[in-house]
Amino acid sequence: MKKVIFAFIAVSLFVWDANAQRKTPASAQNSNFGIRGGINFFNWGGDDGSNNDYTNRAGFHAGIYGNMFVTDNFAIEPGVYYSQKGTEADNFAESRAILQYIDVPILLRFYASDGFNIFAGPQGSILTKATYEGDAFGNTFEFETDDINDLDAGLVFGVGYNLPVGINVQGSYDLGLTPVFKESDAKIYNRGFKVSLGYSF
């Protein structure tokens, strides 16, 4: 699966380069790359996740993207981001799961106007670190765990707006489709919202 994700990145960058070279002047000026980051609000959802006292955990994401137009209104946008996910539990220790991923989304954007756009697409994620934390007796306890799946697959969709000066803002939702835990029948998935600010060069 890791090879597939890295292959997606390589192919997307190749297509972006080839696409940029053959664009008409009107659309070529819109193809670009940029940086983006923002705030995450993630939780564990699914049939089994909704029956527990999980609450949203705040984190952040940051990375790069390439935006390549295939028509005047549609663009393909591959990206690579570091992203913090996980959850918090409403219990005596205020325990929390901190999951760190490398996200690789491949988005299709539809531009309804010069600024407003909607987008959706698949996303593959590679787990880089999984940690459980808790507070007790005035101290914070932390330990790493290996019971989280190394790979996560899902869908991303949202809305965005591009400002004339190269700045863009967007809100999106990550719908995880791979169970969080290894060797478990629990239907628990990464689910969450992102609010992002980006800059296109």
C-alpha atoms as a PDB file:
ATOM      1  CA  MET A   1       0.000   0.000   0.000  1.00  0.00           C
ATOM      2  CA  LYS A   2       2.862   2.414   0.747  1.00  0.00           C
ATOM      3  CA  LYS A   3       4.257   1.778  -2.747  1.00  0.00           C
ATOM      4  CA  VAL A   4       0.844   2.557  -4.231  1.00  0.00           C
ATOM      5  CA  ILE A   5       0.627   5.855  -2.343  1.00  0.00           C
ATOM      6  CA  PHE A   6       4.111   6.929  -3.388  1.00  0.00           C
ATOM      7  CA  ALA A   7       3.303   5.905  -6.955  1.00  0.00           C
ATOM      8  CA  PHE A   8       0.238   8.177  -6.821  1.00  0.00           C
ATOM      9  CA  ILE A   9       2.498  11.065  -5.807  1.00  0.00           C
ATOM     10  CA  ALA A  10       4.988  10.393  -8.589  1.00  0.00           C
ATOM     11  CA  VAL A  11       2.332  10.014 -11.288  1.00  0.00           C
ATOM     12  CA  SER A  12       0.473  13.114 -10.110  1.00  0.00           C
ATOM     13  CA  LEU A  13       3.617  15.242 -10.218  1.00  0.00           C
ATOM     14  CA  PHE A  14       4.462  13.909 -13.687  1.00  0.00           C
ATOM     15  CA  VAL A  15       0.948  14.662 -14.959  1.00  0.00           C
ATOM     16  CA  TRP A  16       1.074  18.134 -13.401  1.00  0.00           C
ATOM     17  CA  ASP A  17       4.362  18.902 -15.166  1.00  0.00           C
ATOM     18  CA  ALA A  18       3.164  17.570 -18.512  1.00  0.00           C
ATOM     19  CA  ASN A  19      -0.191  19.293 -18.149  1.00  0.00           C
ATOM     20  CA  ALA A  20       1.405  22.644 -17.337  1.00  0.00           C
ATOM     21  CA  GLN A  21       3.557  22.472 -20.463  1.00  0.00           C
ATOM     22  CA  ARG A  22       0.622  21.994 -22.841  1.00  0.00           C
ATOM     23  CA  LYS A  23      -1.918  24.394 -21.293  1.00  0.00           C
ATOM     24  CA  THR A  24      -3.499  27.204 -23.229  1.00  0.00           C
ATOM     25  CA  PRO A  25      -2.489  30.658 -21.923  1.00  0.00           C
ATOM     26  CA  ALA A  26      -5.875  31.178 -20.241  1.00  0.00           C
ATOM     27  CA  SER A  27      -5.641  28.072 -18.082  1.00  0.00           C
ATOM     28  CA  ALA A  28      -1.861  27.883 -17.697  1.00  0.00           C
ATOM     29  CA  GLN A  29      -1.792  30.972 -15.504  1.00  0.00           C
ATOM     30  CA  ASN A  30      -4.138  29.206 -13.079  1.00  0.00           C
ATOM     31  CA  SER A  31      -2.095  26.004 -12.695  1.00  0.00           C
ATOM     32  CA  ASN A  32       0.123  26.340  -9.669  1.00  0.00           C
ATOM     33  CA  PHE A  33       1.551  24.789  -6.540  1.00  0.00           C
ATOM     34  CA  GLY A  34       1.393  26.004  -2.993  1.00  0.00           C
ATOM     35  CA  ILE A  35       1.531  25.458   0.739  1.00  0.00           C
ATOM     36  CA  ARG A  36      -1.428  24.918   3.045  1.00  0.00           C
ATOM     37  CA  GLY A  37      -2.012  24.443   6.763  1.00  0.00           C
ATOM     38  CA  GLY A  38      -4.668  24.752   9.398  1.00  0.00           C
ATOM     39  CA  ILE A  39      -6.611  23.297  12.302  1.00  0.00           C
ATOM     40  CA  ASN A  40      -8.007  19.767  12.649  1.00  0.00           C
ATOM     41  CA  PHE A  41     -10.990  18.685  14.733  1.00  0.00           C
ATOM     42  CA  PHE A  42     -10.958  14.881  14.715  1.00  0.00           C
ATOM     43  CA  ASN A  43     -12.848  12.151  16.502  1.00  0.00           C
ATOM     44  CA  TRP A  44     -13.433   8.395  16.216  1.00  0.00           C
ATOM     45  CA  GLY A  45     -16.650   7.685  14.352  1.00  0.00           C
ATOM     46  CA  GLY A  46     -18.458   4.619  13.097  1.00  0.00           C
ATOM     47  CA  ASP A  47     -21.025   2.285  14.616  1.00  0.00           C
ATOM     48  CA  ASP A  48     -18.814   1.388  17.578  1.00  0.00           C
ATOM     49  CA  GLY A  49     -17.181   4.792  17.974  1.00  0.00           C
ATOM     50  CA  SER A  50     -20.462   6.660  18.391  1.00  0.00           C
ATOM     51  CA  ASN A  51     -21.374   4.537  21.428  1.00  0.00           C
ATOM     52  CA  ASN A  52     -18.426   5.823  23.478  1.00  0.00           C
ATOM     53  CA  ASP A  53     -17.645   9.093  25.241  1.00  0.00           C
ATOM     54  CA  TYR A  54     -15.231  10.280  22.541  1.00  0.00           C
ATOM     55  CA  THR A  55     -14.973  13.998  21.830  1.00  0.00           C
ATOM     56  CA  ASN A  56     -13.236  16.060  19.166  1.00  0.00           C
ATOM     57  CA  ARG A  57      -9.515  16.552  19.569  1.00  0.00           C
ATOM     58  CA  ALA A  58      -7.844  19.635  18.097  1.00  0.00           C
ATOM     59  CA  GLY A  59      -4.653  19.252  16.069  1.00  0.00           C
ATOM     60  CA  PHE A  60      -3.118  20.730  12.954  1.00  0.00           C
ATOM     61  CA  HIS A  61      -2.073  19.895   9.400  1.00  0.00           C
ATOM     62  CA  ALA A  62       0.501  21.375   7.023  1.00  0.00           C
ATOM     63  CA  GLY A  63       1.885  20.480   3.616  1.00  0.00           C
ATOM     64  CA  ILE A  64       2.116  21.183  -0.101  1.00  0.00           C
ATOM     65  CA  TYR A  65      -0.168  20.773  -3.114  1.00  0.00           C
ATOM     66  CA  GLY A  66      -0.179  21.100  -6.891  1.00  0.00           C
ATOM     67  CA  ASN A  67      -3.215  22.473  -8.703  1.00  0.00           C
ATOM     68  CA  MET A  68      -3.423  21.543 -12.413  1.00  0.00           C
ATOM     69  CA  PHE A  69      -6.333  22.508 -14.620  1.00  0.00           C
ATOM     70  CA  VAL A  70      -7.698  19.934 -17.061  1.00  0.00           C
ATOM     71  CA  THR A  71     -10.506  22.248 -18.285  1.00  0.00           C
ATOM     72  CA  ASP A  72     -11.408  25.860 -17.547  1.00  0.00           C
ATOM     73  CA  ASN A  73     -13.480  24.758 -14.539  1.00  0.00           C
ATOM     74  CA  PHE A  74     -11.956  21.471 -13.352  1.00  0.00           C
ATOM     75  CA  ALA A  75      -8.568  20.927 -11.720  1.00  0.00           C
ATOM     76  CA  ILE A  76      -6.762  17.925 -10.221  1.00  0.00           C
ATOM     77  CA  GLU A  77      -4.989  18.640  -6.958  1.00  0.00           C
ATOM     78  CA  PRO A  78      -2.579  16.106  -5.446  1.00  0.00           C
ATOM     79  CA  GLY A  79      -1.056  16.961  -2.093  1.00  0.00           C
ATOM     80  CA  VAL A  80       1.136  15.710   0.740  1.00  0.00           C
ATOM     81  CA  TYR A  81       0.389  16.783   4.316  1.00  0.00           C
ATOM     82  CA  TYR A  82       1.425  16.043   7.873  1.00  0.00           C
ATOM     83  CA  SER A  83      -1.797  15.725   9.884  1.00  0.00           C
ATOM     84  CA  GLN A  84      -2.682  15.114  13.541  1.00  0.00           C
ATOM     85  CA  LYS A  85      -5.793  13.055  14.217  1.00  0.00           C
ATOM     86  CA  GLY A  86      -7.164  10.999  17.094  1.00  0.00           C
ATOM     87  CA  THR A  87      -9.693  11.622  19.836  1.00  0.00           C
ATOM     88  CA  GLU A  88     -10.233  12.491  23.495  1.00  0.00           C
ATOM     89  CA  ALA A  89     -12.301  10.593  26.031  1.00  0.00           C
ATOM     90  CA  ASP A  90     -14.444  12.114  28.736  1.00  0.00           C
ATOM     91  CA  ASN A  91     -13.127  10.055  31.653  1.00  0.00           C
ATOM     92  CA  PHE A  92     -11.284  10.562  34.948  1.00  0.00           C
ATOM     93  CA  ALA A  93      -7.855  10.661  33.252  1.00  0.00           C
ATOM     94  CA  GLU A  94      -8.949  12.814  30.309  1.00  0.00           C
ATOM     95  CA  SER A  95      -7.244  10.238  28.103  1.00  0.00           C
ATOM     96  CA  ARG A  96      -6.500  10.987  24.472  1.00  0.00           C
ATOM     97  CA  ALA A  97      -5.188   9.229  21.403  1.00  0.00           C
ATOM     98  CA  ILE A  98      -2.765  11.251  19.279  1.00  0.00           C
ATOM     99  CA  LEU A  99      -2.360   9.785  15.793  1.00  0.00           C
ATOM    100  CA  GLN A 100       0.118  11.364  13.388  1.00  0.00           C
ATOM    101  CA  TYR A 101      -0.204  10.707   9.649  1.00  0.00           C
ATOM    102  CA  ILE A 102       1.176  11.647   6.269  1.00  0.00           C
ATOM    103  CA  ASP A 103      -1.949  12.305   4.174  1.00  0.00           C
ATOM    104  CA  VAL A 104      -1.876  12.006   0.381  1.00  0.00           C
ATOM    105  CA  PRO A 105      -5.149  13.304  -1.112  1.00  0.00           C
ATOM    106  CA  ILE A 106      -5.927  13.375  -4.849  1.00  0.00           C
ATOM    107  CA  LEU A 107      -8.704  15.941  -5.189  1.00  0.00           C
ATOM    108  CA  LEU A 108     -10.900  17.019  -8.095  1.00  0.00           C
ATOM    109  CA  ARG A 109     -11.901  20.695  -7.831  1.00  0.00           C
ATOM    110  CA  PHE A 110     -14.798  22.298  -9.647  1.00  0.00           C
ATOM    111  CA  TYR A 111     -14.609  26.084  -9.926  1.00  0.00           C
ATOM    112  CA  ALA A 112     -18.102  27.529 -10.056  1.00  0.00           C
ATOM    113  CA  SER A 113     -16.633  31.039 -10.292  1.00  0.00           C
ATOM    114  CA  ASP A 114     -13.235  32.723 -10.181  1.00  0.00           C
ATOM    115  CA  GLY A 115     -13.032  32.157  -6.457  1.00  0.00           C
ATOM    116  CA  PHE A 116     -15.600  29.666  -5.189  1.00  0.00           C
ATOM    117  CA  ASN A 117     -14.920  25.938  -5.641  1.00  0.00           C
ATOM    118  CA  ILE A 118     -16.056  22.560  -4.361  1.00  0.00           C
ATOM    119  CA  PHE A 119     -13.833  19.483  -4.191  1.00  0.00           C
ATOM    120  CA  ALA A 120     -13.745  15.781  -3.408  1.00  0.00           C
ATOM    121  CA  GLY A 121     -11.429  12.826  -3.833  1.00  0.00           C
ATOM    122  CA  PRO A 122      -9.685   9.805  -2.307  1.00  0.00           C
ATOM    123  CA  GLN A 123      -6.996  10.004   0.338  1.00  0.00           C
ATOM    124  CA  GLY A 124      -4.356   7.545   1.501  1.00  0.00           C
ATOM    125  CA  SER A 125      -2.665   8.058   4.878  1.00  0.00           C
ATOM    126  CA  ILE A 126       0.478   6.575   6.413  1.00  0.00           C
ATOM    127  CA  LEU A 127       0.689   6.402  10.204  1.00  0.00           C
ATOM    128  CA  THR A 128       3.974   7.822  11.525  1.00  0.00           C
ATOM    129  CA  LYS A 129       3.305   7.707  15.275  1.00  0.00           C
ATOM    130  CA  ALA A 130       0.501   6.651  17.623  1.00  0.00           C
ATOM    131  CA  THR A 131       0.473   7.754  21.248  1.00  0.00           C
ATOM    132  CA  TYR A 132      -1.907   7.446  24.177  1.00  0.00           C
ATOM    133  CA  GLU A 133      -1.841  10.169  26.837  1.00  0.00           C
ATOM    134  CA  GLY A 134      -3.597  10.732  30.121  1.00  0.00           C
ATOM    135  CA  ASP A 135      -3.523  13.045  33.130  1.00  0.00           C
ATOM    136  CA  ALA A 136      -3.490  11.688  36.669  1.00  0.00           C
ATOM    137  CA  PHE A 137      -2.203  12.882  40.046  1.00  0.00           C
ATOM    138  CA  GLY A 138      -0.925  16.115  38.520  1.00  0.00           C
ATOM    139  CA  ASN A 139       1.181  14.365  35.879  1.00  0.00           C
ATOM    140  CA  THR A 140       0.817  13.527  32.200  1.00  0.00           C
ATOM    141  CA  PHE A 141       1.465   9.921  31.221  1.00  0.00           C
ATOM    142  CA  GLU A 142       2.356   8.998  27.647  1.00  0.00           C
ATOM    143  CA  PHE A 143       3.153   5.769  25.830  1.00  0.00           C
ATOM    144  CA  GLU A 144       3.337   4.696  22.206  1.00  0.00           C
ATOM    145  CA  THR A 145       1.120   1.922  20.859  1.00  0.00           C
ATOM    146  CA  ASP A 146       1.347  -0.466  17.918  1.00  0.00           C
ATOM    147  CA  ASP A 147      -2.332  -1.455  17.829  1.00  0.00           C
ATOM    148  CA  ILE A 148      -3.250   1.226  15.255  1.00  0.00           C
ATOM    149  CA  ASN A 149      -3.408   0.350  11.555  1.00  0.00           C
ATOM    150  CA  ASP A 150      -0.363   1.632   9.664  1.00  0.00           C
ATOM    151  CA  LEU A 151      -2.469   2.697   6.670  1.00  0.00           C
ATOM    152  CA  ASP A 152      -5.754   4.527   6.391  1.00  0.00           C
ATOM    153  CA  ALA A 153      -7.871   5.068   3.284  1.00  0.00           C
ATOM    154  CA  GLY A 154     -10.757   7.477   3.007  1.00  0.00           C
ATOM    155  CA  LEU A 155     -12.498  10.301   1.186  1.00  0.00           C
ATOM    156  CA  VAL A 156     -12.146  14.071   1.439  1.00  0.00           C
ATOM    157  CA  PHE A 157     -14.715  16.652   0.378  1.00  0.00           C
ATOM    158  CA  GLY A 158     -15.300  20.321   1.036  1.00  0.00           C
ATOM    159  CA  VAL A 159     -15.610  23.892  -0.213  1.00  0.00           C
ATOM    160  CA  GLY A 160     -13.026  26.580  -0.825  1.00  0.00           C
ATOM    161  CA  TYR A 161     -12.520  30.147  -1.948  1.00  0.00           C
ATOM    162  CA  ASN A 162      -9.541  31.662  -3.759  1.00  0.00           C
ATOM    163  CA  LEU A 163      -8.639  35.297  -3.126  1.00  0.00           C
ATOM    164  CA  PRO A 164      -7.018  37.349  -5.916  1.00  0.00           C
ATOM    165  CA  VAL A 165      -3.687  37.685  -4.075  1.00  0.00           C
ATOM    166  CA  GLY A 166      -2.941  33.929  -4.135  1.00  0.00           C
ATOM    167  CA  ILE A 167      -4.426  33.171  -0.716  1.00  0.00           C
ATOM    168  CA  ASN A 168      -7.062  30.456  -0.450  1.00  0.00           C
ATOM    169  CA  VAL A 169      -9.284  29.284   2.390  1.00  0.00           C
ATOM    170  CA  GLN A 170     -11.252  26.069   2.662  1.00  0.00           C
ATOM    171  CA  GLY A 171     -13.224  23.799   4.952  1.00  0.00           C
ATOM    172  CA  SER A 172     -13.184  20.031   4.457  1.00  0.00           C
ATOM    173  CA  TYR A 173     -14.303  16.761   5.982  1.00  0.00           C
ATOM    174  CA  ASP A 174     -12.223  13.563   6.177  1.00  0.00           C
ATOM    175  CA  LEU A 175     -14.278  10.368   6.024  1.00  0.00           C
ATOM    176  CA  GLY A 176     -12.008   7.513   7.126  1.00  0.00           C
ATOM    177  CA  LEU A 177     -12.956   4.116   5.680  1.00  0.00           C
ATOM    178  CA  THR A 178     -10.253   1.904   7.223  1.00  0.00           C
ATOM    179  CA  PRO A 179     -10.775   0.675  10.820  1.00  0.00           C
ATOM    180  CA  VAL A 180      -8.453   2.432  13.272  1.00  0.00           C
ATOM    181  CA  PHE A 181      -7.433  -0.715  15.140  1.00  0.00           C
ATOM    182  CA  LYS A 182      -5.487  -3.725  13.895  1.00  0.00           C
ATOM    183  CA  GLU A 183      -6.869  -7.233  14.413  1.00  0.00           C
ATOM    184  CA  SER A 184     -10.166  -5.918  15.702  1.00  0.00           C
ATOM    185  CA  ASP A 185     -13.762  -6.154  14.535  1.00  0.00           C
ATOM    186  CA  ALA A 186     -14.561  -2.740  16.048  1.00  0.00           C
ATOM    187  CA  LYS A 187     -16.070  -0.383  13.481  1.00  0.00           C
ATOM    188  CA  ILE A 188     -14.135   2.710  14.542  1.00  0.00           C
ATOM    189  CA  TYR A 189     -12.787   5.179  11.966  1.00  0.00           C
ATOM    190  CA  ASN A 190     -10.932   8.488  11.784  1.00  0.00           C
ATOM    191  CA  ARG A 191     -13.475  11.227  11.071  1.00  0.00           C
ATOM    192  CA  GLY A 192     -12.972  14.958  11.255  1.00  0.00           C
ATOM    193  CA  PHE A 193     -13.101  18.525   9.960  1.00  0.00           C
ATOM    194  CA  LYS A 194     -10.263  20.702   8.729  1.00  0.00           C
ATOM    195  CA  VAL A 195     -10.124  24.486   8.351  1.00  0.00           C
ATOM    196  CA  SER A 196      -7.232  25.515   6.104  1.00  0.00           C
ATOM    197  CA  LEU A 197      -5.367  28.549   4.853  1.00  0.00           C
ATOM    198  CA  GLY A 198      -3.163  28.229   1.771  1.00  0.00           C
ATOM    199  CA  TYR A 199      -0.962  30.241  -0.548  1.00  0.00           C
ATOM    200  CA  SER A 200      -0.432  29.507  -4.249  1.00  0.00           C
ATOM    201  CA  PHE A 201       2.833  30.511  -5.926  1.00  0.00           C
END
